[in-house]
Amino acid sequence: PQVKAFVTQDIPLYHNLEMKHLPGADPELVLLSHWYEELERIPLSDMTREEINQLVQELGFYRKETPDAPVPEEFQFAPAKPLPTLLPPQAPTADGKTPPKHDKEEHADL
């Protein structure tokens, strides 16, 4: 009954959180990447509604006041973490050596 209450009453308040009903399957939270690759499965059967809400918020899902409330710009892609930034050109390479500096004019055609 705790998971069912979360599914019916709380999921509509979370941005980027979807419910997929699989008959006969134990309830679990499946976290996916931007490319829909499975990252993690978290069983929910033994959790209370409050524990599930706390977990989902700790994972970074944005909870709206109402199902139709707008989502602030900074939470549009939540709970996604920012993509890792590329290392600056002067960063040491895997072998510990610093790559040579390149002249800005070197690839002017690109």
N, C-alpha and C. Protein backbone atom coordinates (compact mmCIF):
# COMPACT_ATOMS: atom_id res chain seq x y z
N PRO A 1 0.81 -1.22 0.00
CA PRO A 1 0.00 0.00 0.00
C PRO A 1 0.85 1.28 0.00
N GLN A 2 2.06 1.24 0.61
CA GLN A 2 2.94 2.41 0.64
C GLN A 2 3.44 2.76 -0.77
N VAL A 3 3.88 1.74 -1.50
CA VAL A 3 4.38 1.98 -2.85
C VAL A 3 3.24 2.44 -3.76
N LYS A 4 2.07 1.83 -3.60
CA LYS A 4 0.92 2.20 -4.42
C LYS A 4 0.55 3.67 -4.20
N ALA A 5 0.57 4.13 -2.95
CA ALA A 5 0.28 5.53 -2.66
C ALA A 5 1.31 6.43 -3.31
N PHE A 6 2.58 6.04 -3.28
CA PHE A 6 3.62 6.83 -3.93
C PHE A 6 3.36 6.90 -5.43
N VAL A 7 3.04 5.76 -6.02
CA VAL A 7 2.82 5.70 -7.47
C VAL A 7 1.63 6.57 -7.89
N THR A 8 0.53 6.45 -7.17
CA THR A 8 -0.69 7.16 -7.59
C THR A 8 -0.70 8.63 -7.18
N GLN A 9 -0.09 8.97 -6.05
CA GLN A 9 -0.20 10.34 -5.55
C GLN A 9 1.07 11.17 -5.71
N ASP A 10 2.23 10.54 -5.67
CA ASP A 10 3.47 11.31 -5.68
C ASP A 10 4.16 11.38 -7.05
N ILE A 11 4.18 10.31 -7.80
CA ILE A 11 4.88 10.32 -9.09
C ILE A 11 4.43 11.47 -9.98
N PRO A 12 3.14 11.80 -10.06
CA PRO A 12 2.75 12.92 -10.93
C PRO A 12 3.37 14.27 -10.53
N LEU A 13 3.88 14.37 -9.31
CA LEU A 13 4.49 15.63 -8.86
C LEU A 13 5.97 15.73 -9.23
N TYR A 14 6.57 14.63 -9.65
CA TYR A 14 8.01 14.65 -9.96
C TYR A 14 8.26 14.83 -11.44
N HIS A 15 9.20 15.72 -11.75
CA HIS A 15 9.60 15.97 -13.13
C HIS A 15 10.58 14.87 -13.56
N ASN A 16 10.38 14.34 -14.76
CA ASN A 16 11.24 13.31 -15.35
C ASN A 16 11.20 11.98 -14.60
N LEU A 17 10.10 11.69 -13.94
CA LEU A 17 9.93 10.41 -13.27
C LEU A 17 8.69 9.76 -13.87
N GLU A 18 8.84 8.59 -14.43
CA GLU A 18 7.73 7.91 -15.10
C GLU A 18 7.46 6.56 -14.46
N MET A 19 6.22 6.15 -14.53
CA MET A 19 5.79 4.84 -14.01
C MET A 19 5.54 3.91 -15.18
N LYS A 20 6.15 2.73 -15.12
CA LYS A 20 5.89 1.67 -16.09
C LYS A 20 5.39 0.48 -15.31
N HIS A 21 4.15 0.06 -15.58
CA HIS A 21 3.57 -1.07 -14.86
C HIS A 21 3.97 -2.37 -15.54
N LEU A 22 4.60 -3.25 -14.76
CA LEU A 22 4.97 -4.58 -15.24
C LEU A 22 4.25 -5.60 -14.38
N PRO A 23 3.19 -6.21 -14.90
CA PRO A 23 2.40 -7.16 -14.11
C PRO A 23 3.28 -8.25 -13.49
N GLY A 24 3.08 -8.46 -12.20
CA GLY A 24 3.79 -9.51 -11.48
C GLY A 24 5.18 -9.14 -11.01
N ALA A 25 5.70 -8.00 -11.43
CA ALA A 25 7.06 -7.61 -11.03
C ALA A 25 7.03 -6.87 -9.71
N ASP A 26 8.06 -7.06 -8.89
CA ASP A 26 8.20 -6.29 -7.66
C ASP A 26 8.51 -4.85 -8.03
N PRO A 27 7.96 -3.89 -7.28
CA PRO A 27 8.22 -2.48 -7.61
C PRO A 27 9.68 -2.10 -7.38
N GLU A 28 10.24 -1.42 -8.35
CA GLU A 28 11.60 -0.95 -8.22
C GLU A 28 11.77 0.33 -9.01
N LEU A 29 12.72 1.14 -8.56
CA LEU A 29 13.08 2.37 -9.25
C LEU A 29 14.24 2.03 -10.18
N VAL A 30 14.08 2.30 -11.47
CA VAL A 30 15.12 2.02 -12.45
C VAL A 30 15.65 3.36 -12.94
N LEU A 31 16.92 3.60 -12.71
CA LEU A 31 17.54 4.85 -13.14
C LEU A 31 18.18 4.64 -14.49
N LEU A 32 17.89 5.56 -15.43
CA LEU A 32 18.39 5.46 -16.79
C LEU A 32 19.26 6.66 -17.13
N SER A 33 20.18 6.46 -18.07
CA SER A 33 21.02 7.54 -18.56
C SER A 33 20.25 8.34 -19.60
N HIS A 34 20.88 9.40 -20.11
CA HIS A 34 20.28 10.19 -21.20
C HIS A 34 19.98 9.31 -22.40
N TRP A 35 20.74 8.24 -22.57
CA TRP A 35 20.60 7.35 -23.71
C TRP A 35 19.73 6.14 -23.36
N TYR A 36 19.00 6.25 -22.25
CA TYR A 36 18.10 5.18 -21.78
C TYR A 36 18.82 3.89 -21.46
N GLU A 37 20.08 3.99 -21.09
CA GLU A 37 20.82 2.83 -20.61
C GLU A 37 20.57 2.70 -19.11
N GLU A 38 20.35 1.47 -18.66
CA GLU A 38 20.08 1.26 -17.24
C GLU A 38 21.33 1.51 -16.41
N LEU A 39 21.18 2.36 -15.38
CA LEU A 39 22.29 2.68 -14.49
C LEU A 39 22.21 1.93 -13.18
N GLU A 40 20.98 1.80 -12.65
CA GLU A 40 20.81 1.18 -11.33
C GLU A 40 19.35 0.79 -11.14
N ARG A 41 19.13 -0.27 -10.34
CA ARG A 41 17.78 -0.69 -9.93
C ARG A 41 17.71 -0.67 -8.42
N ILE A 42 16.68 -0.02 -7.88
CA ILE A 42 16.51 0.09 -6.44
C ILE A 42 15.16 -0.51 -6.06
N PRO A 43 15.14 -1.63 -5.31
CA PRO A 43 13.87 -2.24 -4.90
C PRO A 43 13.11 -1.31 -3.95
N LEU A 44 11.79 -1.23 -4.15
CA LEU A 44 10.97 -0.33 -3.33
C LEU A 44 10.00 -1.05 -2.40
N SER A 45 9.86 -2.37 -2.54
CA SER A 45 8.85 -3.12 -1.79
C SER A 45 8.87 -2.90 -0.29
N ASP A 46 10.05 -2.83 0.31
CA ASP A 46 10.16 -2.72 1.76
C ASP A 46 10.26 -1.28 2.25
N MET A 47 10.06 -0.32 1.37
CA MET A 47 10.20 1.09 1.75
C MET A 47 8.83 1.72 2.01
N THR A 48 8.80 2.69 2.91
CA THR A 48 7.58 3.45 3.15
C THR A 48 7.45 4.53 2.08
N ARG A 49 6.29 5.09 1.97
CA ARG A 49 6.06 6.18 1.02
C ARG A 49 7.02 7.35 1.31
N GLU A 50 7.20 7.66 2.58
CA GLU A 50 8.10 8.76 2.96
C GLU A 50 9.54 8.45 2.56
N GLU A 51 9.97 7.20 2.76
CA GLU A 51 11.33 6.81 2.40
C GLU A 51 11.55 6.90 0.89
N ILE A 52 10.54 6.50 0.12
CA ILE A 52 10.66 6.57 -1.34
C ILE A 52 10.75 8.03 -1.77
N ASN A 53 9.90 8.89 -1.21
CA ASN A 53 9.96 10.32 -1.54
C ASN A 53 11.32 10.91 -1.20
N GLN A 54 11.84 10.55 -0.05
CA GLN A 54 13.15 11.06 0.37
C GLN A 54 14.24 10.58 -0.60
N LEU A 55 14.20 9.30 -0.96
CA LEU A 55 15.17 8.74 -1.90
C LEU A 55 15.13 9.48 -3.23
N VAL A 56 13.94 9.64 -3.78
CA VAL A 56 13.78 10.26 -5.09
C VAL A 56 14.32 11.70 -5.06
N GLN A 57 14.05 12.41 -3.98
CA GLN A 57 14.55 13.79 -3.87
C GLN A 57 16.07 13.81 -3.68
N GLU A 58 16.61 12.86 -2.92
CA GLU A 58 18.06 12.78 -2.75
C GLU A 58 18.76 12.46 -4.07
N LEU A 59 18.07 11.73 -4.94
CA LEU A 59 18.62 11.41 -6.26
C LEU A 59 18.57 12.62 -7.20
N GLY A 60 17.87 13.68 -6.79
CA GLY A 60 17.86 14.91 -7.57
C GLY A 60 16.62 15.16 -8.39
N PHE A 61 15.58 14.34 -8.23
CA PHE A 61 14.35 14.60 -8.97
C PHE A 61 13.66 15.83 -8.39
N TYR A 62 13.12 16.67 -9.28
CA TYR A 62 12.46 17.90 -8.86
C TYR A 62 10.99 17.61 -8.57
N ARG A 63 10.52 18.02 -7.37
CA ARG A 63 9.13 17.81 -6.98
C ARG A 63 8.37 19.13 -7.15
N LYS A 64 7.32 19.09 -7.96
CA LYS A 64 6.48 20.26 -8.21
C LYS A 64 5.40 20.37 -7.15
N GLU A 65 4.85 21.57 -7.00
CA GLU A 65 3.76 21.78 -6.04
C GLU A 65 2.48 21.07 -6.51
N THR A 66 2.22 21.13 -7.82
CA THR A 66 1.07 20.45 -8.42
C THR A 66 1.56 19.76 -9.70
N PRO A 67 0.84 18.76 -10.18
CA PRO A 67 1.29 18.05 -11.39
C PRO A 67 1.49 18.97 -12.60
N ASP A 68 0.72 20.06 -12.70
CA ASP A 68 0.81 20.95 -13.86
C ASP A 68 1.72 22.14 -13.64
N ALA A 69 2.34 22.24 -12.48
CA ALA A 69 3.19 23.39 -12.17
C ALA A 69 4.40 23.42 -13.10
N PRO A 70 4.85 24.63 -13.47
CA PRO A 70 6.04 24.72 -14.33
C PRO A 70 7.29 24.26 -13.59
N VAL A 71 8.26 23.79 -14.36
CA VAL A 71 9.53 23.33 -13.81
C VAL A 71 10.57 24.41 -14.10
N PRO A 72 11.25 24.91 -13.06
CA PRO A 72 12.28 25.94 -13.30
C PRO A 72 13.33 25.45 -14.30
N GLU A 73 13.87 26.39 -15.05
CA GLU A 73 14.85 26.09 -16.09
C GLU A 73 15.99 25.21 -15.59
N GLU A 74 16.50 25.50 -14.38
CA GLU A 74 17.65 24.75 -13.88
C GLU A 74 17.33 23.30 -13.55
N PHE A 75 16.04 22.95 -13.52
CA PHE A 75 15.65 21.57 -13.22
C PHE A 75 15.07 20.84 -14.43
N GLN A 76 15.12 21.44 -15.61
CA GLN A 76 14.55 20.83 -16.80
C GLN A 76 15.15 19.45 -17.09
N PHE A 77 16.42 19.29 -16.82
CA PHE A 77 17.07 18.00 -17.11
C PHE A 77 17.35 17.21 -15.84
N ALA A 78 16.83 17.67 -14.72
CA ALA A 78 17.03 16.97 -13.45
C ALA A 78 16.39 15.59 -13.55
N PRO A 79 17.00 14.60 -12.96
CA PRO A 79 18.11 14.64 -12.02
C PRO A 79 19.47 14.48 -12.67
N ALA A 80 19.54 14.67 -13.98
CA ALA A 80 20.80 14.43 -14.67
C ALA A 80 21.91 15.30 -14.11
N LYS A 81 23.06 14.70 -13.99
CA LYS A 81 24.23 15.44 -13.56
C LYS A 81 24.86 16.07 -14.81
N PRO A 82 25.54 17.18 -14.67
CA PRO A 82 26.17 17.80 -15.84
C PRO A 82 27.14 16.84 -16.52
N LEU A 83 27.24 16.96 -17.82
CA LEU A 83 28.19 16.12 -18.54
C LEU A 83 29.60 16.53 -18.13
N PRO A 84 30.53 15.58 -18.05
CA PRO A 84 31.89 15.95 -17.67
C PRO A 84 32.47 16.88 -18.72
N THR A 85 33.18 17.90 -18.27
CA THR A 85 33.77 18.85 -19.21
C THR A 85 35.08 18.28 -19.73
N LEU A 86 35.44 18.70 -20.90
CA LEU A 86 36.70 18.24 -21.49
C LEU A 86 37.85 18.86 -20.72
N LEU A 87 38.94 18.13 -20.62
CA LEU A 87 40.11 18.66 -19.94
C LEU A 87 40.68 19.82 -20.75
N PRO A 88 41.21 20.83 -20.09
CA PRO A 88 41.83 21.92 -20.85
C PRO A 88 43.03 21.39 -21.63
N PRO A 89 43.39 22.05 -22.74
CA PRO A 89 44.47 21.54 -23.59
C PRO A 89 45.80 21.36 -22.88
N GLN A 90 46.05 22.09 -21.78
CA GLN A 90 47.33 22.00 -21.09
C GLN A 90 47.35 20.91 -20.03
N ALA A 91 46.27 20.18 -19.87
CA ALA A 91 46.22 19.14 -18.84
C ALA A 91 47.16 18.00 -19.20
N PRO A 92 47.79 17.38 -18.21
CA PRO A 92 48.68 16.25 -18.50
C PRO A 92 47.90 15.10 -19.14
N THR A 93 48.56 14.38 -20.01
CA THR A 93 47.94 13.22 -20.65
C THR A 93 48.08 12.00 -19.75
N ALA A 94 47.58 10.87 -20.20
CA ALA A 94 47.60 9.66 -19.39
C ALA A 94 49.02 9.24 -19.01
N ASP A 95 49.99 9.55 -19.85
CA ASP A 95 51.36 9.17 -19.52
C ASP A 95 52.06 10.20 -18.64
N GLY A 96 51.34 11.25 -18.24
CA GLY A 96 51.88 12.24 -17.31
C GLY A 96 52.57 13.40 -18.00
N LYS A 97 52.67 13.34 -19.32
CA LYS A 97 53.33 14.43 -20.05
C LYS A 97 52.30 15.48 -20.45
N THR A 98 52.75 16.71 -20.51
CA THR A 98 51.86 17.79 -20.95
C THR A 98 51.95 17.87 -22.47
N PRO A 99 50.77 17.87 -23.13
CA PRO A 99 50.81 17.93 -24.60
C PRO A 99 51.38 19.27 -25.06
N PRO A 100 51.99 19.30 -26.24
CA PRO A 100 52.55 20.56 -26.73
C PRO A 100 51.45 21.58 -27.00
N LYS A 101 51.79 22.85 -26.83
CA LYS A 101 50.82 23.92 -27.11
C LYS A 101 50.67 24.02 -28.63
N HIS A 102 49.42 24.31 -29.06
CA HIS A 102 49.17 24.46 -30.48
C HIS A 102 48.89 25.92 -30.78
N ASP A 103 49.39 26.36 -31.92
CA ASP A 103 49.14 27.72 -32.35
C ASP A 103 47.68 27.84 -32.76
N LYS A 104 47.01 28.91 -32.37
CA LYS A 104 45.59 29.10 -32.69
C LYS A 104 45.35 29.13 -34.19
N GLU A 105 46.35 29.57 -34.96
CA GLU A 105 46.20 29.68 -36.42
C GLU A 105 46.36 28.32 -37.11
N GLU A 106 46.82 27.31 -36.38
CA GLU A 106 47.18 26.04 -36.99
C GLU A 106 46.02 25.41 -37.76
N HIS A 107 44.79 25.50 -37.25
CA HIS A 107 43.63 24.89 -37.92
C HIS A 107 42.58 25.95 -38.22
N ALA A 108 43.00 27.02 -38.83
CA ALA A 108 42.08 28.11 -39.14
C ALA A 108 40.98 27.67 -40.09
N ASP A 109 41.20 26.59 -40.84
CA ASP A 109 40.21 26.13 -41.80
C ASP A 109 39.07 25.33 -41.15
N LEU A 110 39.18 24.98 -39.87
CA LEU A 110 38.16 24.18 -39.20
C LEU A 110 37.09 25.03 -38.59
